[in-house]
Amino acid sequence: MAMVSCPGCRAVANAEACVCPECGLKLRSCSSKVARTASAMMLGLALGCDGGPQPEPAYGIPFVDDDGDGYESDVDCDDTDANIYPEADETPGDGVDSNCDGEDDT
């Protein structure tokens, strides 16, 4: 089964999914019948999830997110802290680059 990474939250989703199972972002256009079938399938997968290892996305590249914040380690500037990730809220002057833009906003 081919997998894709959601551009909104970086969750792993089935390539056939119409929406991201984590954040609900539209991944592709689907007819209503297909959307209902895909939603039912994703709900079934979610209910059966045992918290095991993350599936691998397409091309065999493993999804690595060591801190569990939903951002892969190649885009997360600190994959040991779940509070630090791209698009995180920045606290000006705290000495921490929370949103991975290369600076602590002041």
C-alpha atoms as a PDB file:
ATOM      1  CA  MET A   1       0.000   0.000   0.000  1.00  0.00           C
ATOM      2  CA  ALA A   2       1.488   3.357  -1.033  1.00  0.00           C
ATOM      3  CA  MET A   3       1.740   6.002   1.673  1.00  0.00           C
ATOM      4  CA  VAL A   4       2.121   9.789   1.503  1.00  0.00           C
ATOM      5  CA  SER A   5       3.091  12.463   4.018  1.00  0.00           C
ATOM      6  CA  CYS A   6       0.396  15.111   4.655  1.00  0.00           C
ATOM      7  CA  PRO A   7       1.703  18.575   3.685  1.00  0.00           C
ATOM      8  CA  GLY A   8      -0.280  20.142   6.546  1.00  0.00           C
ATOM      9  CA  CYS A   9       0.698  18.061   9.557  1.00  0.00           C
ATOM     10  CA  ARG A  10       3.226  15.543   8.133  1.00  0.00           C
ATOM     11  CA  ALA A  11       1.093  12.584   9.277  1.00  0.00           C
ATOM     12  CA  VAL A  12       1.370   9.461   7.161  1.00  0.00           C
ATOM     13  CA  ALA A  13      -1.732   8.667   5.094  1.00  0.00           C
ATOM     14  CA  ASN A  14      -2.748   6.122   2.487  1.00  0.00           C
ATOM     15  CA  ALA A  15      -2.035   7.543  -0.986  1.00  0.00           C
ATOM     16  CA  GLU A  16      -5.674   6.802  -1.914  1.00  0.00           C
ATOM     17  CA  ALA A  17      -7.065   8.877   1.008  1.00  0.00           C
ATOM     18  CA  CYS A  18      -9.108  11.980   0.175  1.00  0.00           C
ATOM     19  CA  VAL A  19      -8.331  13.726   3.478  1.00  0.00           C
ATOM     20  CA  CYS A  20      -5.601  13.424   6.088  1.00  0.00           C
ATOM     21  CA  PRO A  21      -6.759  11.137   8.931  1.00  0.00           C
ATOM     22  CA  GLU A  22      -4.971  13.350  11.481  1.00  0.00           C
ATOM     23  CA  CYS A  23      -5.768  16.958  10.517  1.00  0.00           C
ATOM     24  CA  GLY A  24      -8.543  16.585   7.908  1.00  0.00           C
ATOM     25  CA  LEU A  25      -6.614  18.449   5.184  1.00  0.00           C
ATOM     26  CA  LYS A  26      -7.888  17.622   1.683  1.00  0.00           C
ATOM     27  CA  LEU A  27      -5.226  15.459   0.024  1.00  0.00           C
ATOM     28  CA  ARG A  28      -6.965  14.924  -3.317  1.00  0.00           C
ATOM     29  CA  SER A  29     -10.370  15.319  -4.980  1.00  0.00           C
ATOM     30  CA  CYS A  30     -12.737  12.400  -4.496  1.00  0.00           C
ATOM     31  CA  SER A  31     -16.310  11.704  -5.496  1.00  0.00           C
ATOM     32  CA  SER A  32     -18.733  11.461  -2.589  1.00  0.00           C
ATOM     33  CA  LYS A  33     -19.038   7.657  -2.858  1.00  0.00           C
ATOM     34  CA  VAL A  34     -15.265   7.244  -2.931  1.00  0.00           C
ATOM     35  CA  ALA A  35     -14.885   9.753  -0.099  1.00  0.00           C
ATOM     36  CA  ARG A  36     -17.371   7.849   2.087  1.00  0.00           C
ATOM     37  CA  THR A  37     -15.643   4.556   1.334  1.00  0.00           C
ATOM     38  CA  ALA A  38     -12.199   6.017   2.040  1.00  0.00           C
ATOM     39  CA  SER A  39     -13.445   7.649   5.257  1.00  0.00           C
ATOM     40  CA  ALA A  40     -14.949   4.373   6.436  1.00  0.00           C
ATOM     41  CA  MET A  41     -11.741   2.562   5.607  1.00  0.00           C
ATOM     42  CA  MET A  42      -9.600   5.125   7.458  1.00  0.00           C
ATOM     43  CA  LEU A  43     -11.900   4.959  10.483  1.00  0.00           C
ATOM     44  CA  GLY A  44     -11.521   1.191  10.470  1.00  0.00           C
ATOM     45  CA  LEU A  45      -7.755   1.514  10.285  1.00  0.00           C
ATOM     46  CA  ALA A  46      -7.728   4.079  13.096  1.00  0.00           C
ATOM     47  CA  LEU A  47      -9.849   1.875  15.333  1.00  0.00           C
ATOM     48  CA  GLY A  48      -7.556  -1.069  14.704  1.00  0.00           C
ATOM     49  CA  CYS A  49      -4.333   0.869  15.269  1.00  0.00           C
ATOM     50  CA  ASP A  50      -2.188  -0.672  17.988  1.00  0.00           C
ATOM     51  CA  GLY A  51       0.293   2.206  18.264  1.00  0.00           C
ATOM     52  CA  GLY A  52       2.952   0.169  16.488  1.00  0.00           C
ATOM     53  CA  PRO A  53       5.648   1.560  14.224  1.00  0.00           C
ATOM     54  CA  GLN A  54       4.755   4.212  11.652  1.00  0.00           C
ATOM     55  CA  PRO A  55       4.233   2.875   8.116  1.00  0.00           C
ATOM     56  CA  GLU A  56       6.794   3.774   5.512  1.00  0.00           C
ATOM     57  CA  PRO A  57       5.809   6.329   2.872  1.00  0.00           C
ATOM     58  CA  ALA A  58       6.246   5.743  -0.839  1.00  0.00           C
ATOM     59  CA  TYR A  59       9.715   4.960  -2.194  1.00  0.00           C
ATOM     60  CA  GLY A  60      10.764   3.093   0.956  1.00  0.00           C
ATOM     61  CA  ILE A  61      11.939   6.178   2.848  1.00  0.00           C
ATOM     62  CA  PRO A  62      10.999   5.691   6.500  1.00  0.00           C
ATOM     63  CA  PHE A  63       9.011   8.376   8.322  1.00  0.00           C
ATOM     64  CA  VAL A  64      11.218   9.439  11.240  1.00  0.00           C
ATOM     65  CA  ASP A  65       9.777  11.681  13.957  1.00  0.00           C
ATOM     66  CA  ASP A  66      11.723  11.048  17.152  1.00  0.00           C
ATOM     67  CA  ASP A  67       9.836  13.578  19.319  1.00  0.00           C
ATOM     68  CA  GLY A  68       6.319  12.757  18.063  1.00  0.00           C
ATOM     69  CA  ASP A  69       5.368  16.302  17.031  1.00  0.00           C
ATOM     70  CA  GLY A  70       4.282  15.236  13.533  1.00  0.00           C
ATOM     71  CA  TYR A  71       7.295  16.680  11.691  1.00  0.00           C
ATOM     72  CA  GLU A  72       9.894  14.437  10.090  1.00  0.00           C
ATOM     73  CA  SER A  73      13.418  14.729  11.437  1.00  0.00           C
ATOM     74  CA  ASP A  74      14.682  16.177   8.137  1.00  0.00           C
ATOM     75  CA  VAL A  75      12.458  19.290   8.530  1.00  0.00           C
ATOM     76  CA  ASP A  76      12.277  19.507  12.351  1.00  0.00           C
ATOM     77  CA  CYS A  77      15.220  21.584  13.612  1.00  0.00           C
ATOM     78  CA  ASP A  78      15.119  19.832  17.040  1.00  0.00           C
ATOM     79  CA  ASP A  79      13.646  16.344  16.814  1.00  0.00           C
ATOM     80  CA  THR A  80      14.249  15.774  20.532  1.00  0.00           C
ATOM     81  CA  ASP A  81      11.721  18.415  21.700  1.00  0.00           C
ATOM     82  CA  ALA A  82       8.044  18.155  20.651  1.00  0.00           C
ATOM     83  CA  ASN A  83       7.547  21.901  21.312  1.00  0.00           C
ATOM     84  CA  ILE A  84      10.032  22.854  18.589  1.00  0.00           C
ATOM     85  CA  TYR A  85       8.923  22.331  14.970  1.00  0.00           C
ATOM     86  CA  PRO A  86       8.275  24.357  11.786  1.00  0.00           C
ATOM     87  CA  GLU A  87       5.245  26.662  12.229  1.00  0.00           C
ATOM     88  CA  ALA A  88       5.287  26.393  16.057  1.00  0.00           C
ATOM     89  CA  ASP A  89       4.262  29.482  18.021  1.00  0.00           C
ATOM     90  CA  GLU A  90       7.371  31.515  18.811  1.00  0.00           C
ATOM     91  CA  THR A  91       7.869  33.076  22.259  1.00  0.00           C
ATOM     92  CA  PRO A  92       9.889  36.253  21.609  1.00  0.00           C
ATOM     93  CA  GLY A  93      13.075  36.628  23.615  1.00  0.00           C
ATOM     94  CA  ASP A  94      13.089  33.193  25.276  1.00  0.00           C
ATOM     95  CA  GLY A  95      16.327  32.172  23.564  1.00  0.00           C
ATOM     96  CA  VAL A  96      14.643  29.264  21.767  1.00  0.00           C
ATOM     97  CA  ASP A  97      14.004  29.030  18.029  1.00  0.00           C
ATOM     98  CA  SER A  98      10.627  27.275  18.415  1.00  0.00           C
ATOM     99  CA  ASN A  99       9.517  27.584  14.768  1.00  0.00           C
ATOM    100  CA  CYS A 100      12.786  26.511  13.087  1.00  0.00           C
ATOM    101  CA  ASP A 101      13.251  29.780  11.167  1.00  0.00           C
ATOM    102  CA  GLY A 102      16.824  30.164  12.391  1.00  0.00           C
ATOM    103  CA  GLU A 103      16.224  32.861  15.029  1.00  0.00           C
ATOM    104  CA  ASP A 104      14.408  33.632  18.282  1.00  0.00           C
ATOM    105  CA  ASP A 105      11.873  36.286  17.294  1.00  0.00           C
ATOM    106  CA  THR A 106      12.163  39.442  19.380  1.00  0.00           C
END
